[in-house]
């Protein structure tokens, strides 16, 4: 059995570390990965989740600064995805359009 393979109901001794992607590690180093409580709070609103795979850490920092400037509640999880409060979806889409242009 592979050391990282865990079967349902199997007792695992020691801590099982969740491996973050390189991008997620960079975001964590930049202080952009949110606390679990904040992630759960935003996710509970069932708002949109934006994939960040194609963005640089600098682009994500600019994006989050603009979201903050507009009072938009957001959180970034370890996937990494940008989660936005359901009530702020329209405003978040406007910020994305300002930075990256409208979707085609």
PDB file of N, CA and C in Angstrom:
ATOM      1  N   UNK A   1       0.844  -1.182   0.000  1.00  0.00           N
ATOM      2  CA  UNK A   1       0.000   0.000   0.000  1.00  0.00           C
ATOM      3  C   UNK A   1       0.882   1.235   0.000  1.00  0.00           C
ATOM      4  N   UNK A   2       0.525   2.206  -0.796  1.00  0.00           N
ATOM      5  CA  UNK A   2       1.227   3.473  -0.875  1.00  0.00           C
ATOM      6  C   UNK A   2       1.099   4.202   0.470  1.00  0.00           C
ATOM      7  N   UNK A   3       2.189   4.831   0.926  1.00  0.00           N
ATOM      8  CA  UNK A   3       2.167   5.534   2.210  1.00  0.00           C
ATOM      9  C   UNK A   3       1.119   6.631   2.260  1.00  0.00           C
ATOM     10  N   UNK A   4       0.817   7.249   1.109  1.00  0.00           N
ATOM     11  CA  UNK A   4      -0.132   8.362   1.097  1.00  0.00           C
ATOM     12  C   UNK A   4      -1.565   7.897   0.887  1.00  0.00           C
ATOM     13  N   UNK A   5      -1.740   6.613   0.577  1.00  0.00           N
ATOM     14  CA  UNK A   5      -3.080   6.086   0.363  1.00  0.00           C
ATOM     15  C   UNK A   5      -3.701   5.774   1.713  1.00  0.00           C
ATOM     16  N   UNK A   6      -4.866   6.310   1.956  1.00  0.00           N
ATOM     17  CA  UNK A   6      -5.550   6.102   3.217  1.00  0.00           C
ATOM     18  C   UNK A   6      -6.902   5.466   2.909  1.00  0.00           C
ATOM     19  N   UNK A   7      -7.142   4.315   3.496  1.00  0.00           N
ATOM     20  CA  UNK A   7      -8.408   3.632   3.291  1.00  0.00           C
ATOM     21  C   UNK A   7      -9.418   4.109   4.317  1.00  0.00           C
ATOM     22  N   UNK A   8     -10.675   4.121   3.912  1.00  0.00           N
ATOM     23  CA  UNK A   8     -11.730   4.559   4.811  1.00  0.00           C
ATOM     24  C   UNK A   8     -11.700   3.710   6.079  1.00  0.00           C
ATOM     25  N   UNK A   9     -11.751   4.378   7.212  1.00  0.00           N
ATOM     26  CA  UNK A   9     -11.770   3.685   8.478  1.00  0.00           C
ATOM     27  C   UNK A   9     -10.405   3.270   8.992  1.00  0.00           C
ATOM     28  N   UNK A  10      -9.361   3.549   8.248  1.00  0.00           N
ATOM     29  CA  UNK A  10      -8.017   3.167   8.665  1.00  0.00           C
ATOM     30  C   UNK A  10      -7.472   4.180   9.663  1.00  0.00           C
ATOM     31  N   UNK A  11      -6.860   3.702  10.713  1.00  0.00           N
ATOM     32  CA  UNK A  11      -6.241   4.573  11.696  1.00  0.00           C
ATOM     33  C   UNK A  11      -4.887   5.010  11.165  1.00  0.00           C
ATOM     34  N   UNK A  12      -4.687   6.312  11.141  1.00  0.00           N
ATOM     35  CA  UNK A  12      -3.426   6.855  10.650  1.00  0.00           C
ATOM     36  C   UNK A  12      -2.728   7.522  11.823  1.00  0.00           C
ATOM     37  N   UNK A  13      -1.513   7.096  12.086  1.00  0.00           N
ATOM     38  CA  UNK A  13      -0.750   7.695  13.169  1.00  0.00           C
ATOM     39  C   UNK A  13       0.037   8.874  12.634  1.00  0.00           C
ATOM     40  N   UNK A  14       0.167   9.898  13.447  1.00  0.00           N
ATOM     41  CA  UNK A  14       0.886  11.099  13.032  1.00  0.00           C
ATOM     42  C   UNK A  14      -0.016  11.994  12.200  1.00  0.00           C
ATOM     43  N   UNK A  15       0.521  13.111  11.802  1.00  0.00           N
ATOM     44  CA  UNK A  15      -0.248  14.073  11.025  1.00  0.00           C
ATOM     45  C   UNK A  15      -0.167  13.756   9.544  1.00  0.00           C
ATOM     46  N   UNK A  16      -1.298  13.914   8.863  1.00  0.00           N
ATOM     47  CA  UNK A  16      -1.338  13.772   7.416  1.00  0.00           C
ATOM     48  C   UNK A  16      -1.312  15.189   6.866  1.00  0.00           C
ATOM     49  N   UNK A  17      -0.242  15.514   6.169  1.00  0.00           N
ATOM     50  CA  UNK A  17      -0.095  16.867   5.643  1.00  0.00           C
ATOM     51  C   UNK A  17      -0.781  16.981   4.298  1.00  0.00           C
ATOM     52  N   UNK A  18      -1.554  18.058   4.142  1.00  0.00           N
ATOM     53  CA  UNK A  18      -2.152  18.347   2.855  1.00  0.00           C
ATOM     54  C   UNK A  18      -1.100  19.077   2.035  1.00  0.00           C
ATOM     55  N   UNK A  19      -0.813  18.562   0.848  1.00  0.00           N
ATOM     56  CA  UNK A  19       0.220  19.164   0.020  1.00  0.00           C
ATOM     57  C   UNK A  19      -0.396  20.262  -0.832  1.00  0.00           C
ATOM     58  N   UNK A  20       0.153  21.463  -0.700  1.00  0.00           N
ATOM     59  CA  UNK A  20      -0.313  22.603  -1.475  1.00  0.00           C
ATOM     60  C   UNK A  20       0.468  22.685  -2.777  1.00  0.00           C
ATOM     61  N   UNK A  21      -0.201  23.157  -3.811  1.00  0.00           N
ATOM     62  CA  UNK A  21       0.489  23.382  -5.076  1.00  0.00           C
ATOM     63  C   UNK A  21       1.526  24.482  -4.881  1.00  0.00           C
ATOM     64  N   UNK A  22       2.420  24.608  -5.840  1.00  0.00           N
ATOM     65  CA  UNK A  22       3.439  25.657  -5.751  1.00  0.00           C
ATOM     66  C   UNK A  22       2.788  27.035  -5.693  1.00  0.00           C
ATOM     67  N   UNK A  23       1.758  27.239  -6.503  1.00  0.00           N
ATOM     68  CA  UNK A  23       1.059  28.525  -6.495  1.00  0.00           C
ATOM     69  C   UNK A  23       0.426  28.783  -5.127  1.00  0.00           C
ATOM     70  N   UNK A  24      -0.213  27.767  -4.550  1.00  0.00           N
ATOM     71  CA  UNK A  24      -0.836  27.927  -3.237  1.00  0.00           C
ATOM     72  C   UNK A  24       0.223  28.218  -2.170  1.00  0.00           C
ATOM     73  N   UNK A  25       1.391  27.588  -2.277  1.00  0.00           N
ATOM     74  CA  UNK A  25       2.475  27.869  -1.331  1.00  0.00           C
ATOM     75  C   UNK A  25       2.934  29.322  -1.453  1.00  0.00           C
ATOM     76  N   UNK A  26       3.033  29.821  -2.686  1.00  0.00           N
ATOM     77  CA  UNK A  26       3.424  31.215  -2.896  1.00  0.00           C
ATOM     78  C   UNK A  26       2.367  32.163  -2.329  1.00  0.00           C
ATOM     79  N   UNK A  27       1.098  31.832  -2.545  1.00  0.00           N
ATOM     80  CA  UNK A  27       0.014  32.651  -2.007  1.00  0.00           C
ATOM     81  C   UNK A  27       0.035  32.636  -0.478  1.00  0.00           C
ATOM     82  N   UNK A  28       0.316  31.478   0.104  1.00  0.00           N
ATOM     83  CA  UNK A  28       0.403  31.388   1.559  1.00  0.00           C
ATOM     84  C   UNK A  28       1.559  32.244   2.077  1.00  0.00           C
ATOM     85  N   UNK A  29       2.693  32.208   1.373  1.00  0.00           N
ATOM     86  CA  UNK A  29       3.847  33.018   1.770  1.00  0.00           C
ATOM     87  C   UNK A  29       3.539  34.510   1.675  1.00  0.00           C
ATOM     88  N   UNK A  30       2.686  34.871   0.715  1.00  0.00           N
ATOM     89  CA  UNK A  30       2.305  36.276   0.542  1.00  0.00           C
ATOM     90  C   UNK A  30       1.163  36.682   1.472  1.00  0.00           C
ATOM     91  N   UNK A  31       0.691  35.734   2.285  1.00  0.00           N
ATOM     92  CA  UNK A  31      -0.392  36.046   3.222  1.00  0.00           C
ATOM     93  C   UNK A  31      -1.762  36.117   2.563  1.00  0.00           C
ATOM     94  N   UNK A  32      -1.926  35.478   1.410  1.00  0.00           N
ATOM     95  CA  UNK A  32      -3.193  35.569   0.680  1.00  0.00           C
ATOM     96  C   UNK A  32      -4.111  34.360   0.875  1.00  0.00           C
ATOM     97  N   UNK A  33      -3.619  33.278   1.473  1.00  0.00           N
ATOM     98  CA  UNK A  33      -4.490  32.145   1.774  1.00  0.00           C
ATOM     99  C   UNK A  33      -5.228  32.495   3.069  1.00  0.00           C
ATOM    100  N   UNK A  34      -6.532  32.378   3.033  1.00  0.00           N
ATOM    101  CA  UNK A  34      -7.365  32.795   4.162  1.00  0.00           C
ATOM    102  C   UNK A  34      -7.380  31.755   5.277  1.00  0.00           C
ATOM    103  N   UNK A  35      -7.759  32.206   6.452  1.00  0.00           N
ATOM    104  CA  UNK A  35      -7.946  31.312   7.593  1.00  0.00           C
ATOM    105  C   UNK A  35      -9.148  30.417   7.314  1.00  0.00           C
ATOM    106  N   UNK A  36      -9.121  29.197   7.842  1.00  0.00           N
ATOM    107  CA  UNK A  36     -10.217  28.253   7.590  1.00  0.00           C
ATOM    108  C   UNK A  36     -11.571  28.826   7.973  1.00  0.00           C
ATOM    109  N   UNK A  37     -11.657  29.527   9.086  1.00  0.00           N
ATOM    110  CA  UNK A  37     -12.941  30.075   9.525  1.00  0.00           C
ATOM    111  C   UNK A  37     -13.486  31.066   8.504  1.00  0.00           C
ATOM    112  N   UNK A  38     -12.612  31.870   7.904  1.00  0.00           N
ATOM    113  CA  UNK A  38     -13.043  32.830   6.886  1.00  0.00           C
ATOM    114  C   UNK A  38     -13.495  32.110   5.621  1.00  0.00           C
ATOM    115  N   UNK A  39     -12.780  31.052   5.247  1.00  0.00           N
ATOM    116  CA  UNK A  39     -13.151  30.278   4.066  1.00  0.00           C
ATOM    117  C   UNK A  39     -14.534  29.669   4.262  1.00  0.00           C
ATOM    118  N   UNK A  40     -14.768  29.045   5.419  1.00  0.00           N
ATOM    119  CA  UNK A  40     -16.065  28.424   5.694  1.00  0.00           C
ATOM    120  C   UNK A  40     -17.169  29.466   5.729  1.00  0.00           C
ATOM    121  N   UNK A  41     -16.888  30.641   6.298  1.00  0.00           N
ATOM    122  CA  UNK A  41     -17.874  31.708   6.392  1.00  0.00           C
ATOM    123  C   UNK A  41     -18.323  32.166   5.003  1.00  0.00           C
ATOM    124  N   UNK A  42     -17.368  32.382   4.108  1.00  0.00           N
ATOM    125  CA  UNK A  42     -17.693  32.826   2.743  1.00  0.00           C
ATOM    126  C   UNK A  42     -18.334  31.683   1.955  1.00  0.00           C
ATOM    127  N   UNK A  43     -17.789  30.477   2.066  1.00  0.00           N
ATOM    128  CA  UNK A  43     -18.324  29.330   1.317  1.00  0.00           C
ATOM    129  C   UNK A  43     -19.770  29.036   1.714  1.00  0.00           C
ATOM    130  N   UNK A  44     -20.125  29.283   2.956  1.00  0.00           N
ATOM    131  CA  UNK A  44     -21.485  29.013   3.426  1.00  0.00           C
ATOM    132  C   UNK A  44     -22.525  29.866   2.719  1.00  0.00           C
ATOM    133  N   UNK A  45     -22.120  30.975   2.138  1.00  0.00           N
ATOM    134  CA  UNK A  45     -23.071  31.835   1.428  1.00  0.00           C
ATOM    135  C   UNK A  45     -23.393  31.299   0.036  1.00  0.00           C
ATOM    136  N   UNK A  46     -22.641  30.266  -0.397  1.00  0.00           N
ATOM    137  CA  UNK A  46     -22.819  29.646  -1.709  1.00  0.00           C
ATOM    138  C   UNK A  46     -22.619  30.635  -2.854  1.00  0.00           C
ATOM    139  N   UNK A  47     -21.668  31.537  -2.652  1.00  0.00           N
ATOM    140  CA  UNK A  47     -21.292  32.478  -3.700  1.00  0.00           C
ATOM    141  C   UNK A  47     -20.371  31.820  -4.711  1.00  0.00           C
ATOM    142  N   UNK A  48     -19.909  32.592  -5.688  1.00  0.00           N
ATOM    143  CA  UNK A  48     -19.071  32.024  -6.749  1.00  0.00           C
ATOM    144  C   UNK A  48     -17.662  31.698  -6.260  1.00  0.00           C
ATOM    145  N   UNK A  49     -17.041  30.769  -6.984  1.00  0.00           N
ATOM    146  CA  UNK A  49     -15.637  30.407  -6.753  1.00  0.00           C
ATOM    147  C   UNK A  49     -14.908  30.611  -8.071  1.00  0.00           C
ATOM    148  N   UNK A  50     -13.840  31.388  -8.042  1.00  0.00           N
ATOM    149  CA  UNK A  50     -13.062  31.704  -9.237  1.00  0.00           C
ATOM    150  C   UNK A  50     -11.745  30.943  -9.194  1.00  0.00           C
ATOM    151  N   UNK A  51     -11.425  30.249 -10.278  1.00  0.00           N
ATOM    152  CA  UNK A  51     -10.154  29.534 -10.391  1.00  0.00           C
ATOM    153  C   UNK A  51      -9.026  30.551 -10.569  1.00  0.00           C
ATOM    154  N   UNK A  52      -7.914  30.335  -9.901  1.00  0.00           N
ATOM    155  CA  UNK A  52      -6.779  31.262  -9.943  1.00  0.00           C
ATOM    156  C   UNK A  52      -5.551  30.659 -10.619  1.00  0.00           C
ATOM    157  N   UNK A  53      -5.715  29.470 -11.218  1.00  0.00           N
ATOM    158  CA  UNK A  53      -4.583  28.736 -11.784  1.00  0.00           C
ATOM    159  C   UNK A  53      -3.737  29.542 -12.758  1.00  0.00           C
ATOM    160  N   UNK A  54      -4.344  30.355 -13.588  1.00  0.00           N
ATOM    161  CA  UNK A  54      -3.622  31.063 -14.642  1.00  0.00           C
ATOM    162  C   UNK A  54      -3.101  32.433 -14.215  1.00  0.00           C
ATOM    163  N   UNK A  55      -3.260  32.783 -12.942  1.00  0.00           N
ATOM    164  CA  UNK A  55      -2.860  34.109 -12.470  1.00  0.00           C
ATOM    165  C   UNK A  55      -1.567  34.023 -11.664  1.00  0.00           C
ATOM    166  N   UNK A  56      -0.787  35.090 -11.730  1.00  0.00           N
ATOM    167  CA  UNK A  56       0.419  35.185 -10.914  1.00  0.00           C
ATOM    168  C   UNK A  56       0.046  35.671  -9.518  1.00  0.00           C
ATOM    169  N   UNK A  57       0.968  35.534  -8.593  1.00  0.00           N
ATOM    170  CA  UNK A  57       0.732  36.029  -7.239  1.00  0.00           C
ATOM    171  C   UNK A  57       0.506  37.538  -7.269  1.00  0.00           C
ATOM    172  N   UNK A  58       1.258  38.264  -8.102  1.00  0.00           N
ATOM    173  CA  UNK A  58       1.073  39.718  -8.210  1.00  0.00           C
ATOM    174  C   UNK A  58      -0.315  40.069  -8.728  1.00  0.00           C
ATOM    175  N   UNK A  59      -0.814  39.330  -9.718  1.00  0.00           N
ATOM    176  CA  UNK A  59      -2.153  39.580 -10.240  1.00  0.00           C
ATOM    177  C   UNK A  59      -3.215  39.296  -9.177  1.00  0.00           C
ATOM    178  N   UNK A  60      -3.006  38.237  -8.419  1.00  0.00           N
ATOM    179  CA  UNK A  60      -3.966  37.903  -7.361  1.00  0.00           C
ATOM    180  C   UNK A  60      -3.939  38.956  -6.261  1.00  0.00           C
ATOM    181  N   UNK A  61      -2.757  39.447  -5.924  1.00  0.00           N
ATOM    182  CA  UNK A  61      -2.649  40.511  -4.916  1.00  0.00           C
ATOM    183  C   UNK A  61      -3.368  41.767  -5.393  1.00  0.00           C
ATOM    184  N   UNK A  62      -3.186  42.133  -6.664  1.00  0.00           N
ATOM    185  CA  UNK A  62      -3.891  43.301  -7.219  1.00  0.00           C
ATOM    186  C   UNK A  62      -5.400  43.083  -7.166  1.00  0.00           C
ATOM    187  N   UNK A  63      -5.830  41.899  -7.548  1.00  0.00           N
ATOM    188  CA  UNK A  63      -7.243  41.572  -7.540  1.00  0.00           C
ATOM    189  C   UNK A  63      -7.834  41.690  -6.137  1.00  0.00           C
ATOM    190  N   UNK A  64      -7.167  41.110  -5.155  1.00  0.00           N
ATOM    191  CA  UNK A  64      -7.698  41.162  -3.791  1.00  0.00           C
ATOM    192  C   UNK A  64      -7.674  42.579  -3.221  1.00  0.00           C
ATOM    193  N   UNK A  65      -6.678  43.372  -3.602  1.00  0.00           N
ATOM    194  CA  UNK A  65      -6.660  44.774  -3.162  1.00  0.00           C
ATOM    195  C   UNK A  65      -7.852  45.535  -3.726  1.00  0.00           C
ATOM    196  N   UNK A  66      -8.174  45.276  -4.983  1.00  0.00           N
ATOM    197  CA  UNK A  66      -9.336  45.944  -5.592  1.00  0.00           C
ATOM    198  C   UNK A  66     -10.649  45.450  -4.992  1.00  0.00           C
ATOM    199  N   UNK A  67     -10.706  44.163  -4.679  1.00  0.00           N
ATOM    200  CA  UNK A  67     -11.905  43.652  -4.008  1.00  0.00           C
ATOM    201  C   UNK A  67     -12.068  44.324  -2.647  1.00  0.00           C
ATOM    202  N   UNK A  68     -10.972  44.442  -1.898  1.00  0.00           N
ATOM    203  CA  UNK A  68     -11.017  45.117  -0.600  1.00  0.00           C
ATOM    204  C   UNK A  68     -11.475  46.558  -0.739  1.00  0.00           C
ATOM    205  N   UNK A  69     -10.961  47.252  -1.755  1.00  0.00           N
ATOM    206  CA  UNK A  69     -11.310  48.658  -1.965  1.00  0.00           C
ATOM    207  C   UNK A  69     -12.802  48.843  -2.233  1.00  0.00           C
ATOM    208  N   UNK A  70     -13.440  47.833  -2.769  1.00  0.00           N
ATOM    209  CA  UNK A  70     -14.887  47.902  -3.046  1.00  0.00           C
ATOM    210  C   UNK A  70     -15.727  47.260  -1.948  1.00  0.00           C
ATOM    211  N   UNK A  71     -15.093  46.834  -0.875  1.00  0.00           N
ATOM    212  CA  UNK A  71     -15.822  46.244   0.241  1.00  0.00           C
ATOM    213  C   UNK A  71     -16.389  44.860  -0.055  1.00  0.00           C
ATOM    214  N   UNK A  72     -15.735  44.127  -0.941  1.00  0.00           N
ATOM    215  CA  UNK A  72     -16.195  42.798  -1.334  1.00  0.00           C
ATOM    216  C   UNK A  72     -15.582  41.757  -0.405  1.00  0.00           C
ATOM    217  N   UNK A  73     -16.429  40.917   0.188  1.00  0.00           N
ATOM    218  CA  UNK A  73     -15.939  39.857   1.077  1.00  0.00           C
ATOM    219  C   UNK A  73     -15.438  38.699   0.237  1.00  0.00           C
ATOM    220  N   UNK A  74     -14.202  38.265   0.509  1.00  0.00           N
ATOM    221  CA  UNK A  74     -13.577  37.193  -0.264  1.00  0.00           C
ATOM    222  C   UNK A  74     -12.699  36.350   0.649  1.00  0.00           C
ATOM    223  N   UNK A  75     -12.343  35.174   0.152  1.00  0.00           N
ATOM    224  CA  UNK A  75     -11.386  34.294   0.823  1.00  0.00           C
ATOM    225  C   UNK A  75     -10.721  33.447  -0.252  1.00  0.00           C
ATOM    226  N   UNK A  76      -9.475  33.079  -0.032  1.00  0.00           N
ATOM    227  CA  UNK A  76      -8.762  32.183  -0.941  1.00  0.00           C
ATOM    228  C   UNK A  76      -8.452  30.910  -0.175  1.00  0.00           C
ATOM    229  N   UNK A  77      -8.870  29.782  -0.752  1.00  0.00           N
ATOM    230  CA  UNK A  77      -8.608  28.498  -0.111  1.00  0.00           C
ATOM    231  C   UNK A  77      -7.320  27.890  -0.651  1.00  0.00           C
ATOM    232  N   UNK A  78      -6.967  26.701  -0.204  1.00  0.00           N
ATOM    233  CA  UNK A  78      -5.705  26.071  -0.583  1.00  0.00           C
ATOM    234  C   UNK A  78      -5.703  25.425  -1.952  1.00  0.00           C
ATOM    235  N   UNK A  79      -6.802  25.494  -2.698  1.00  0.00           N
ATOM    236  CA  UNK A  79      -6.871  24.834  -4.011  1.00  0.00           C
ATOM    237  C   UNK A  79      -6.048  25.480  -5.108  1.00  0.00           C
ATOM    238  N   UNK A  80      -5.770  26.680  -5.309  1.00  0.00           N
ATOM    239  CA  UNK A  80      -6.422  27.856  -4.740  1.00  0.00           C
ATOM    240  C   UNK A  80      -7.600  28.340  -5.594  1.00  0.00           C
ATOM    241  N   UNK A  81      -8.646  28.710  -4.906  1.00  0.00           N
ATOM    242  CA  UNK A  81      -9.816  29.330  -5.518  1.00  0.00           C
ATOM    243  C   UNK A  81     -10.146  30.582  -4.725  1.00  0.00           C
ATOM    244  N   UNK A  82     -10.639  31.584  -5.431  1.00  0.00           N
ATOM    245  CA  UNK A  82     -11.115  32.802  -4.787  1.00  0.00           C
ATOM    246  C   UNK A  82     -12.604  32.628  -4.563  1.00  0.00           C
ATOM    247  N   UNK A  83     -13.009  32.622  -3.313  1.00  0.00           N
ATOM    248  CA  UNK A  83     -14.421  32.509  -2.953  1.00  0.00           C
ATOM    249  C   UNK A  83     -14.943  33.905  -2.636  1.00  0.00           C
ATOM    250  N   UNK A  84     -16.120  34.217  -3.153  1.00  0.00           N
ATOM    251  CA  UNK A  84     -16.708  35.533  -2.945  1.00  0.00           C
ATOM    252  C   UNK A  84     -18.079  35.365  -2.311  1.00  0.00           C
ATOM    253  N   UNK A  85     -18.389  36.249  -1.380  1.00  0.00           N
ATOM    254  CA  UNK A  85     -19.705  36.236  -0.747  1.00  0.00           C
ATOM    255  C   UNK A  85     -20.776  36.386  -1.823  1.00  0.00           C
ATOM    256  N   UNK A  86     -21.832  35.611  -1.689  1.00  0.00           N
ATOM    257  CA  UNK A  86     -22.910  35.595  -2.676  1.00  0.00           C
ATOM    258  C   UNK A  86     -23.457  36.996  -2.984  1.00  0.00           C
ATOM    259  N   UNK A  87     -23.564  37.845  -1.979  1.00  0.00           N
ATOM    260  CA  UNK A  87     -24.115  39.187  -2.181  1.00  0.00           C
ATOM    261  C   UNK A  87     -23.184  40.108  -2.960  1.00  0.00           C
ATOM    262  N   UNK A  88     -21.932  39.695  -3.153  1.00  0.00           N
ATOM    263  CA  UNK A  88     -20.949  40.544  -3.823  1.00  0.00           C
ATOM    264  C   UNK A  88     -20.529  40.013  -5.194  1.00  0.00           C
ATOM    265  N   UNK A  89     -21.239  39.030  -5.719  1.00  0.00           N
ATOM    266  CA  UNK A  89     -20.855  38.412  -6.985  1.00  0.00           C
ATOM    267  C   UNK A  89     -20.790  39.421  -8.130  1.00  0.00           C
ATOM    268  N   UNK A  90     -21.796  40.250  -8.267  1.00  0.00           N
ATOM    269  CA  UNK A  90     -21.823  41.223  -9.371  1.00  0.00           C
ATOM    270  C   UNK A  90     -20.649  42.185  -9.272  1.00  0.00           C
ATOM    271  N   UNK A  91     -20.385  42.690  -8.076  1.00  0.00           N
ATOM    272  CA  UNK A  91     -19.266  43.617  -7.896  1.00  0.00           C
ATOM    273  C   UNK A  91     -17.931  42.928  -8.167  1.00  0.00           C
ATOM    274  N   UNK A  92     -17.801  41.658  -7.772  1.00  0.00           N
ATOM    275  CA  UNK A  92     -16.565  40.917  -8.033  1.00  0.00           C
ATOM    276  C   UNK A  92     -16.370  40.721  -9.536  1.00  0.00           C
ATOM    277  N   UNK A  93     -17.445  40.395 -10.253  1.00  0.00           N
ATOM    278  CA  UNK A  93     -17.355  40.248 -11.706  1.00  0.00           C
ATOM    279  C   UNK A  93     -16.899  41.546 -12.365  1.00  0.00           C
ATOM    280  N   UNK A  94     -17.366  42.672 -11.847  1.00  0.00           N
ATOM    281  CA  UNK A  94     -16.946  43.976 -12.382  1.00  0.00           C
ATOM    282  C   UNK A  94     -15.447  44.186 -12.177  1.00  0.00           C
ATOM    283  N   UNK A  95     -14.927  43.788 -11.026  1.00  0.00           N
ATOM    284  CA  UNK A  95     -13.494  43.928 -10.756  1.00  0.00           C
ATOM    285  C   UNK A  95     -12.697  43.048 -11.714  1.00  0.00           C
ATOM    286  N   UNK A  96     -13.126  41.805 -11.913  1.00  0.00           N
ATOM    287  CA  UNK A  96     -12.455  40.927 -12.872  1.00  0.00           C
ATOM    288  C   UNK A  96     -12.452  41.548 -14.257  1.00  0.00           C
ATOM    289  N   UNK A  97     -13.586  42.123 -14.679  1.00  0.00           N
ATOM    290  CA  UNK A  97     -13.676  42.744 -15.998  1.00  0.00           C
ATOM    291  C   UNK A  97     -12.742  43.947 -16.116  1.00  0.00           C
ATOM    292  N   UNK A  98     -12.622  44.730 -15.047  1.00  0.00           N
ATOM    293  CA  UNK A  98     -11.722  45.890 -15.061  1.00  0.00           C
ATOM    294  C   UNK A  98     -10.266  45.469 -15.220  1.00  0.00           C
ATOM    295  N   UNK A  99      -9.888  44.403 -14.536  1.00  0.00           N
ATOM    296  CA  UNK A  99      -8.487  43.969 -14.567  1.00  0.00           C
ATOM    297  C   UNK A  99      -8.170  43.146 -15.809  1.00  0.00           C
ATOM    298  N   UNK A 100      -9.030  42.201 -16.141  1.00  0.00           N
ATOM    299  CA  UNK A 100      -8.721  41.227 -17.177  1.00  0.00           C
ATOM    300  C   UNK A 100      -9.535  41.382 -18.457  1.00  0.00           C
ATOM    301  N   UNK A 101     -10.460  42.333 -18.453  1.00  0.00           N
ATOM    302  CA  UNK A 101     -11.329  42.512 -19.615  1.00  0.00           C
ATOM    303  C   UNK A 101     -12.543  41.596 -19.512  1.00  0.00           C
ATOM    304  N   UNK A 102     -13.609  41.951 -20.229  1.00  0.00           N
ATOM    305  CA  UNK A 102     -14.819  41.136 -20.166  1.00  0.00           C
ATOM    306  C   UNK A 102     -14.606  39.746 -20.764  1.00  0.00           C
ATOM    307  N   UNK A 103     -15.382  38.779 -20.234  1.00  0.00           N
ATOM    308  CA  UNK A 103     -15.315  37.427 -20.789  1.00  0.00           C
ATOM    309  C   UNK A 103     -15.943  37.427 -22.167  1.00  0.00           C
ATOM    310  N   UNK A 104     -15.404  36.559 -23.018  1.00  0.00           N
ATOM    311  CA  UNK A 104     -15.955  36.474 -24.375  1.00  0.00           C
ATOM    312  C   UNK A 104     -17.066  35.469 -24.430  1.00  0.00           C
TER     313      UNK A 104
END
